[in-house]
Amino acid sequence: MQLDLLPLNRMAVIRTIDWDALPDQEGHRLRALGFEPGVAIEALHKGILMWRDPVAVRVGRMTVALRNNVAAAIDCELSA
């Protein structure tokens, strides 16, 4: 499931990240923030506009805002 489709307040684990779909700067930012396969992640909030952009996600103890096109490049699996 892509991160932009992850239900709110559900824990998941990052399976893969399509680095080629992201601009270089965004890829560097995500790596610096700890986005990598195996990391637990949780969707917290989505924007209030029609596009529901951006999405706020928790990675570790950080809350990070991601645009939907960036979140769509992150594939995750719901935790049990």
PDB file of N, CA and C in Angstrom:
ATOM      1  N   MET A   1       0.839  -1.164   0.000  1.00  0.00           N
ATOM      2  CA  MET A   1       0.000   0.000   0.000  1.00  0.00           C
ATOM      3  C   MET A   1       0.891   1.236   0.000  1.00  0.00           C
ATOM      4  N   GLN A   2       0.534   2.210  -0.816  1.00  0.00           N
ATOM      5  CA  GLN A   2       1.310   3.448  -0.850  1.00  0.00           C
ATOM      6  C   GLN A   2       0.991   4.282   0.385  1.00  0.00           C
ATOM      7  N   LEU A   3       1.975   5.002   0.858  1.00  0.00           N
ATOM      8  CA  LEU A   3       1.829   5.789   2.074  1.00  0.00           C
ATOM      9  C   LEU A   3       0.707   6.822   1.960  1.00  0.00           C
ATOM     10  N   ASP A   4       0.489   7.386   0.784  1.00  0.00           N
ATOM     11  CA  ASP A   4      -0.577   8.382   0.649  1.00  0.00           C
ATOM     12  C   ASP A   4      -1.963   7.759   0.814  1.00  0.00           C
ATOM     13  N   LEU A   5      -2.076   6.427   0.728  1.00  0.00           N
ATOM     14  CA  LEU A   5      -3.348   5.721   0.895  1.00  0.00           C
ATOM     15  C   LEU A   5      -3.492   5.072   2.267  1.00  0.00           C
ATOM     16  N   LEU A   6      -2.470   5.159   3.090  1.00  0.00           N
ATOM     17  CA  LEU A   6      -2.486   4.546   4.417  1.00  0.00           C
ATOM     18  C   LEU A   6      -3.574   5.196   5.273  1.00  0.00           C
ATOM     19  N   PRO A   7      -4.447   4.381   5.900  1.00  0.00           N
ATOM     20  CA  PRO A   7      -5.468   4.951   6.778  1.00  0.00           C
ATOM     21  C   PRO A   7      -4.825   5.703   7.949  1.00  0.00           C
ATOM     22  N   LEU A   8      -5.494   6.744   8.398  1.00  0.00           N
ATOM     23  CA  LEU A   8      -4.973   7.537   9.516  1.00  0.00           C
ATOM     24  C   LEU A   8      -4.908   6.696  10.788  1.00  0.00           C
ATOM     25  N   ASN A   9      -3.902   6.993  11.593  1.00  0.00           N
ATOM     26  CA  ASN A   9      -3.694   6.368  12.894  1.00  0.00           C
ATOM     27  C   ASN A   9      -3.493   4.855  12.828  1.00  0.00           C
ATOM     28  N   ARG A  10      -2.958   4.376  11.729  1.00  0.00           N
ATOM     29  CA  ARG A  10      -2.607   2.961  11.579  1.00  0.00           C
ATOM     30  C   ARG A  10      -1.099   2.855  11.411  1.00  0.00           C
ATOM     31  N   MET A  11      -0.499   1.963  12.149  1.00  0.00           N
ATOM     32  CA  MET A  11       0.935   1.745  12.050  1.00  0.00           C
ATOM     33  C   MET A  11       1.239   0.876  10.835  1.00  0.00           C
ATOM     34  N   ALA A  12       2.353   1.180  10.199  1.00  0.00           N
ATOM     35  CA  ALA A  12       2.811   0.406   9.047  1.00  0.00           C
ATOM     36  C   ALA A  12       4.340   0.373   9.082  1.00  0.00           C
ATOM     37  N   VAL A  13       4.881  -0.446   8.224  1.00  0.00           N
ATOM     38  CA  VAL A  13       6.337  -0.560   8.069  1.00  0.00           C
ATOM     39  C   VAL A  13       6.666  -0.259   6.608  1.00  0.00           C
ATOM     40  N   ILE A  14       7.681   0.554   6.401  1.00  0.00           N
ATOM     41  CA  ILE A  14       8.098   0.880   5.037  1.00  0.00           C
ATOM     42  C   ILE A  14       8.699  -0.369   4.405  1.00  0.00           C
ATOM     43  N   ARG A  15       8.165  -0.752   3.240  1.00  0.00           N
ATOM     44  CA  ARG A  15       8.715  -1.900   2.505  1.00  0.00           C
ATOM     45  C   ARG A  15       9.749  -1.441   1.495  1.00  0.00           C
ATOM     46  N   THR A  16       9.378  -0.513   0.627  1.00  0.00           N
ATOM     47  CA  THR A  16      10.304   0.000  -0.387  1.00  0.00           C
ATOM     48  C   THR A  16      10.042   1.477  -0.617  1.00  0.00           C
ATOM     49  N   ILE A  17      11.040   2.137  -1.149  1.00  0.00           N
ATOM     50  CA  ILE A  17      10.908   3.538  -1.555  1.00  0.00           C
ATOM     51  C   ILE A  17      11.409   3.636  -2.984  1.00  0.00           C
ATOM     52  N   ASP A  18      10.602   4.204  -3.854  1.00  0.00           N
ATOM     53  CA  ASP A  18      10.972   4.380  -5.261  1.00  0.00           C
ATOM     54  C   ASP A  18      11.780   5.670  -5.380  1.00  0.00           C
ATOM     55  N   TRP A  19      13.075   5.556  -5.124  1.00  0.00           N
ATOM     56  CA  TRP A  19      13.948   6.738  -5.126  1.00  0.00           C
ATOM     57  C   TRP A  19      13.980   7.410  -6.495  1.00  0.00           C
ATOM     58  N   ASP A  20      13.812   6.632  -7.563  1.00  0.00           N
ATOM     59  CA  ASP A  20      13.852   7.203  -8.913  1.00  0.00           C
ATOM     60  C   ASP A  20      12.662   8.108  -9.185  1.00  0.00           C
ATOM     61  N   ALA A  21      11.558   7.940  -8.457  1.00  0.00           N
ATOM     62  CA  ALA A  21      10.364   8.760  -8.654  1.00  0.00           C
ATOM     63  C   ALA A  21      10.450  10.090  -7.914  1.00  0.00           C
ATOM     64  N   LEU A  22      11.489  10.253  -7.092  1.00  0.00           N
ATOM     65  CA  LEU A  22      11.633  11.461  -6.278  1.00  0.00           C
ATOM     66  C   LEU A  22      12.756  12.346  -6.795  1.00  0.00           C
ATOM     67  N   PRO A  23      12.584  13.665  -6.684  1.00  0.00           N
ATOM     68  CA  PRO A  23      13.704  14.557  -6.996  1.00  0.00           C
ATOM     69  C   PRO A  23      14.864  14.283  -6.034  1.00  0.00           C
ATOM     70  N   ASP A  24      16.084  14.534  -6.487  1.00  0.00           N
ATOM     71  CA  ASP A  24      17.269  14.250  -5.661  1.00  0.00           C
ATOM     72  C   ASP A  24      17.198  14.909  -4.291  1.00  0.00           C
ATOM     73  N   GLN A  25      16.800  16.175  -4.239  1.00  0.00           N
ATOM     74  CA  GLN A  25      16.738  16.880  -2.955  1.00  0.00           C
ATOM     75  C   GLN A  25      15.748  16.218  -2.001  1.00  0.00           C
ATOM     76  N   GLU A  26      14.607  15.799  -2.525  1.00  0.00           N
ATOM     77  CA  GLU A  26      13.602  15.149  -1.681  1.00  0.00           C
ATOM     78  C   GLU A  26      14.113  13.802  -1.189  1.00  0.00           C
ATOM     79  N   GLY A  27      14.806  13.071  -2.030  1.00  0.00           N
ATOM     80  CA  GLY A  27      15.398  11.807  -1.615  1.00  0.00           C
ATOM     81  C   GLY A  27      16.411  11.992  -0.499  1.00  0.00           C
ATOM     82  N   HIS A  28      17.255  13.005  -0.618  1.00  0.00           N
ATOM     83  CA  HIS A  28      18.239  13.293   0.436  1.00  0.00           C
ATOM     84  C   HIS A  28      17.546  13.663   1.738  1.00  0.00           C
ATOM     85  N   ARG A  29      16.485  14.462   1.639  1.00  0.00           N
ATOM     86  CA  ARG A  29      15.744  14.881   2.835  1.00  0.00           C
ATOM     87  C   ARG A  29      15.130  13.663   3.526  1.00  0.00           C
ATOM     88  N   LEU A  30      14.500  12.784   2.752  1.00  0.00           N
ATOM     89  CA  LEU A  30      13.879  11.606   3.352  1.00  0.00           C
ATOM     90  C   LEU A  30      14.908  10.695   4.007  1.00  0.00           C
ATOM     91  N   ARG A  31      16.042  10.506   3.351  1.00  0.00           N
ATOM     92  CA  ARG A  31      17.102   9.666   3.943  1.00  0.00           C
ATOM     93  C   ARG A  31      17.610  10.288   5.239  1.00  0.00           C
ATOM     94  N   ALA A  32      17.788  11.603   5.252  1.00  0.00           N
ATOM     95  CA  ALA A  32      18.272  12.287   6.448  1.00  0.00           C
ATOM     96  C   ALA A  32      17.273  12.195   7.601  1.00  0.00           C
ATOM     97  N   LEU A  33      15.989  12.107   7.273  1.00  0.00           N
ATOM     98  CA  LEU A  33      14.955  12.006   8.295  1.00  0.00           C
ATOM     99  C   LEU A  33      14.710  10.571   8.751  1.00  0.00           C
ATOM    100  N   GLY A  34      15.386   9.608   8.143  1.00  0.00           N
ATOM    101  CA  GLY A  34      15.295   8.226   8.584  1.00  0.00           C
ATOM    102  C   GLY A  34      14.321   7.364   7.813  1.00  0.00           C
ATOM    103  N   PHE A  35      13.854   7.827   6.664  1.00  0.00           N
ATOM    104  CA  PHE A  35      12.968   7.006   5.843  1.00  0.00           C
ATOM    105  C   PHE A  35      13.790   5.954   5.120  1.00  0.00           C
ATOM    106  N   GLU A  36      13.560   4.700   5.463  1.00  0.00           N
ATOM    107  CA  GLU A  36      14.226   3.584   4.812  1.00  0.00           C
ATOM    108  C   GLU A  36      13.413   2.325   5.064  1.00  0.00           C
ATOM    109  N   PRO A  37      13.590   1.279   4.258  1.00  0.00           N
ATOM    110  CA  PRO A  37      12.826   0.044   4.451  1.00  0.00           C
ATOM    111  C   PRO A  37      13.005  -0.512   5.857  1.00  0.00           C
ATOM    112  N   GLY A  38      11.893  -0.989   6.429  1.00  0.00           N
ATOM    113  CA  GLY A  38      11.915  -1.573   7.767  1.00  0.00           C
ATOM    114  C   GLY A  38      11.541  -0.616   8.880  1.00  0.00           C
ATOM    115  N   VAL A  39      11.420   0.668   8.575  1.00  0.00           N
ATOM    116  CA  VAL A  39      11.115   1.678   9.588  1.00  0.00           C
ATOM    117  C   VAL A  39       9.601   1.754   9.796  1.00  0.00           C
ATOM    118  N   ALA A  40       9.179   1.849  11.057  1.00  0.00           N
ATOM    119  CA  ALA A  40       7.754   1.995  11.385  1.00  0.00           C
ATOM    120  C   ALA A  40       7.310   3.421  11.080  1.00  0.00           C
ATOM    121  N   ILE A  41       6.075   3.533  10.579  1.00  0.00           N
ATOM    122  CA  ILE A  41       5.544   4.820  10.163  1.00  0.00           C
ATOM    123  C   ILE A  41       4.051   4.849  10.467  1.00  0.00           C
ATOM    124  N   GLU A  42       3.501   6.039  10.696  1.00  0.00           N
ATOM    125  CA  GLU A  42       2.074   6.190  10.984  1.00  0.00           C
ATOM    126  C   GLU A  42       1.562   7.464  10.338  1.00  0.00           C
ATOM    127  N   ALA A  43       0.464   7.373   9.603  1.00  0.00           N
ATOM    128  CA  ALA A  43      -0.171   8.557   9.020  1.00  0.00           C
ATOM    129  C   ALA A  43      -1.019   9.211  10.108  1.00  0.00           C
ATOM    130  N   LEU A  44      -0.774  10.506  10.375  1.00  0.00           N
ATOM    131  CA  LEU A  44      -1.456  11.194  11.465  1.00  0.00           C
ATOM    132  C   LEU A  44      -2.586  12.103  10.998  1.00  0.00           C
ATOM    133  N   HIS A  45      -2.309  12.924  10.004  1.00  0.00           N
ATOM    134  CA  HIS A  45      -3.271  13.913   9.533  1.00  0.00           C
ATOM    135  C   HIS A  45      -3.126  14.074   8.034  1.00  0.00           C
ATOM    136  N   LYS A  46      -4.218  14.507   7.404  1.00  0.00           N
ATOM    137  CA  LYS A  46      -4.160  14.868   5.992  1.00  0.00           C
ATOM    138  C   LYS A  46      -4.675  16.288   5.855  1.00  0.00           C
ATOM    139  N   GLY A  47      -4.213  16.994   4.825  1.00  0.00           N
ATOM    140  CA  GLY A  47      -4.621  18.367   4.597  1.00  0.00           C
ATOM    141  C   GLY A  47      -6.138  18.495   4.494  1.00  0.00           C
ATOM    142  N   ILE A  48      -6.625  19.709   4.686  1.00  0.00           N
ATOM    143  CA  ILE A  48      -8.073  19.918   4.717  1.00  0.00           C
ATOM    144  C   ILE A  48      -8.657  20.292   3.364  1.00  0.00           C
ATOM    145  N   LEU A  49      -7.823  20.539   2.391  1.00  0.00           N
ATOM    146  CA  LEU A  49      -8.322  20.906   1.067  1.00  0.00           C
ATOM    147  C   LEU A  49      -8.788  19.666   0.306  1.00  0.00           C
ATOM    148  N   MET A  50      -9.377  19.869  -0.845  1.00  0.00           N
ATOM    149  CA  MET A  50      -9.908  18.761  -1.652  1.00  0.00           C
ATOM    150  C   MET A  50      -8.867  17.682  -1.927  1.00  0.00           C
ATOM    151  N   TRP A  51      -7.627  18.082  -2.117  1.00  0.00           N
ATOM    152  CA  TRP A  51      -6.576  17.136  -2.494  1.00  0.00           C
ATOM    153  C   TRP A  51      -6.000  16.405  -1.292  1.00  0.00           C
ATOM    154  N   ARG A  52      -6.388  16.806  -0.074  1.00  0.00           N
ATOM    155  CA  ARG A  52      -5.902  16.169   1.155  1.00  0.00           C
ATOM    156  C   ARG A  52      -4.372  16.153   1.195  1.00  0.00           C
ATOM    157  N   ASP A  53      -3.791  17.263   0.799  1.00  0.00           N
ATOM    158  CA  ASP A  53      -2.338  17.394   0.677  1.00  0.00           C
ATOM    159  C   ASP A  53      -1.883  18.504   1.617  1.00  0.00           C
ATOM    160  N   PRO A  54      -0.856  18.392   2.394  1.00  0.00           N
ATOM    161  CA  PRO A  54       0.056  17.255   2.548  1.00  0.00           C
ATOM    162  C   PRO A  54      -0.473  16.263   3.586  1.00  0.00           C
ATOM    163  N   VAL A  55       0.288  15.210   3.774  1.00  0.00           N
ATOM    164  CA  VAL A  55      -0.018  14.224   4.804  1.00  0.00           C
ATOM    165  C   VAL A  55       1.080  14.318   5.868  1.00  0.00           C
ATOM    166  N   ALA A  56       0.666  14.316   7.141  1.00  0.00           N
ATOM    167  CA  ALA A  56       1.620  14.334   8.255  1.00  0.00           C
ATOM    168  C   ALA A  56       1.829  12.897   8.709  1.00  0.00           C
ATOM    169  N   VAL A  57       3.073  12.484   8.779  1.00  0.00           N
ATOM    170  CA  VAL A  57       3.390  11.116   9.193  1.00  0.00           C
ATOM    171  C   VAL A  57       4.370  11.131  10.356  1.00  0.00           C
ATOM    172  N   ARG A  58       4.275  10.112  11.190  1.00  0.00           N
ATOM    173  CA  ARG A  58       5.211   9.967  12.303  1.00  0.00           C
ATOM    174  C   ARG A  58       6.228   8.909  11.939  1.00  0.00           C
ATOM    175  N   VAL A  59       7.478   9.283  12.078  1.00  0.00           N
ATOM    176  CA  VAL A  59       8.608   8.367  11.882  1.00  0.00           C
ATOM    177  C   VAL A  59       9.422   8.465  13.162  1.00  0.00           C
ATOM    178  N   GLY A  60       9.425   7.392  13.936  1.00  0.00           N
ATOM    179  CA  GLY A  60      10.084   7.465  15.240  1.00  0.00           C
ATOM    180  C   GLY A  60       9.332   8.457  16.117  1.00  0.00           C
ATOM    181  N   ARG A  61      10.032   9.468  16.623  1.00  0.00           N
ATOM    182  CA  ARG A  61       9.391  10.496  17.444  1.00  0.00           C
ATOM    183  C   ARG A  61       9.148  11.779  16.659  1.00  0.00           C
ATOM    184  N   MET A  62       9.455  11.780  15.368  1.00  0.00           N
ATOM    185  CA  MET A  62       9.287  12.972  14.536  1.00  0.00           C
ATOM    186  C   MET A  62       7.970  12.941  13.791  1.00  0.00           C
ATOM    187  N   THR A  63       7.411  14.121  13.559  1.00  0.00           N
ATOM    188  CA  THR A  63       6.271  14.273  12.664  1.00  0.00           C
ATOM    189  C   THR A  63       6.765  15.034  11.449  1.00  0.00           C
ATOM    190  N   VAL A  64       6.524  14.468  10.265  1.00  0.00           N
ATOM    191  CA  VAL A  64       7.035  15.028   9.016  1.00  0.00           C
ATOM    192  C   VAL A  64       5.869  15.221   8.055  1.00  0.00           C
ATOM    193  N   ALA A  65       5.827  16.357   7.383  1.00  0.00           N
ATOM    194  CA  ALA A  65       4.804  16.609   6.361  1.00  0.00           C
ATOM    195  C   ALA A  65       5.361  16.204   5.000  1.00  0.00           C
ATOM    196  N   LEU A  66       4.581  15.431   4.263  1.00  0.00           N
ATOM    197  CA  LEU A  66       4.977  14.984   2.926  1.00  0.00           C
ATOM    198  C   LEU A  66       3.875  15.320   1.932  1.00  0.00           C
ATOM    199  N   ARG A  67       4.255  15.793   0.777  1.00  0.00           N
ATOM    200  CA  ARG A  67       3.297  15.969  -0.304  1.00  0.00           C
ATOM    201  C   ARG A  67       2.828  14.594  -0.757  1.00  0.00           C
ATOM    202  N   ASN A  68       1.627  14.524  -1.287  1.00  0.00           N
ATOM    203  CA  ASN A  68       1.069  13.241  -1.704  1.00  0.00           C
ATOM    204  C   ASN A  68       1.917  12.553  -2.770  1.00  0.00           C
ATOM    205  N   ASN A  69       2.501  13.321  -3.698  1.00  0.00           N
ATOM    206  CA  ASN A  69       3.327  12.694  -4.735  1.00  0.00           C
ATOM    207  C   ASN A  69       4.575  12.055  -4.135  1.00  0.00           C
ATOM    208  N   VAL A  70       5.091  12.598  -3.048  1.00  0.00           N
ATOM    209  CA  VAL A  70       6.241  11.997  -2.366  1.00  0.00           C
ATOM    210  C   VAL A  70       5.773  10.759  -1.586  1.00  0.00           C
ATOM    211  N   ALA A  71       4.666  10.885  -0.873  1.00  0.00           N
ATOM    212  CA  ALA A  71       4.136   9.753  -0.098  1.00  0.00           C
ATOM    213  C   ALA A  71       3.772   8.581  -1.018  1.00  0.00           C
ATOM    214  N   ALA A  72       3.370   8.880  -2.247  1.00  0.00           N
ATOM    215  CA  ALA A  72       3.007   7.814  -3.196  1.00  0.00           C
ATOM    216  C   ALA A  72       4.218   6.983  -3.612  1.00  0.00           C
ATOM    217  N   ALA A  73       5.414   7.512  -3.450  1.00  0.00           N
ATOM    218  CA  ALA A  73       6.634   6.770  -3.808  1.00  0.00           C
ATOM    219  C   ALA A  73       7.086   5.832  -2.692  1.00  0.00           C
ATOM    220  N   ILE A  74       6.394   5.874  -1.553  1.00  0.00           N
ATOM    221  CA  ILE A  74       6.759   5.043  -0.415  1.00  0.00           C
ATOM    222  C   ILE A  74       5.732   3.931  -0.271  1.00  0.00           C
ATOM    223  N   ASP A  75       6.196   2.700  -0.394  1.00  0.00           N
ATOM    224  CA  ASP A  75       5.330   1.531  -0.278  1.00  0.00           C
ATOM    225  C   ASP A  75       5.454   0.977   1.131  1.00  0.00           C
ATOM    226  N   CYS A  76       4.319   0.761   1.784  1.00  0.00           N
ATOM    227  CA  CYS A  76       4.366   0.273   3.166  1.00  0.00           C
ATOM    228  C   CYS A  76       3.376  -0.863   3.365  1.00  0.00           C
ATOM    229  N   GLU A  77       3.526  -1.548   4.474  1.00  0.00           N
ATOM    230  CA  GLU A  77       2.694  -2.694   4.809  1.00  0.00           C
ATOM    231  C   GLU A  77       2.115  -2.463   6.198  1.00  0.00           C
ATOM    232  N   LEU A  78       0.820  -2.629   6.354  1.00  0.00           N
ATOM    233  CA  LEU A  78       0.164  -2.437   7.647  1.00  0.00           C
ATOM    234  C   LEU A  78       0.756  -3.379   8.685  1.00  0.00           C
ATOM    235  N   SER A  79       0.950  -2.864   9.889  1.00  0.00           N
ATOM    236  CA  SER A  79       1.427  -3.702  10.999  1.00  0.00           C
ATOM    237  C   SER A  79       0.248  -4.416  11.617  1.00  0.00           C
ATOM    238  N   ALA A  80       0.518  -5.552  12.187  1.00  0.00           N
ATOM    239  CA  ALA A  80      -0.563  -6.347  12.817  1.00  0.00           C
ATOM    240  C   ALA A  80      -0.974  -5.747  14.132  1.00  0.00           C
TER     241      ALA A  80
END
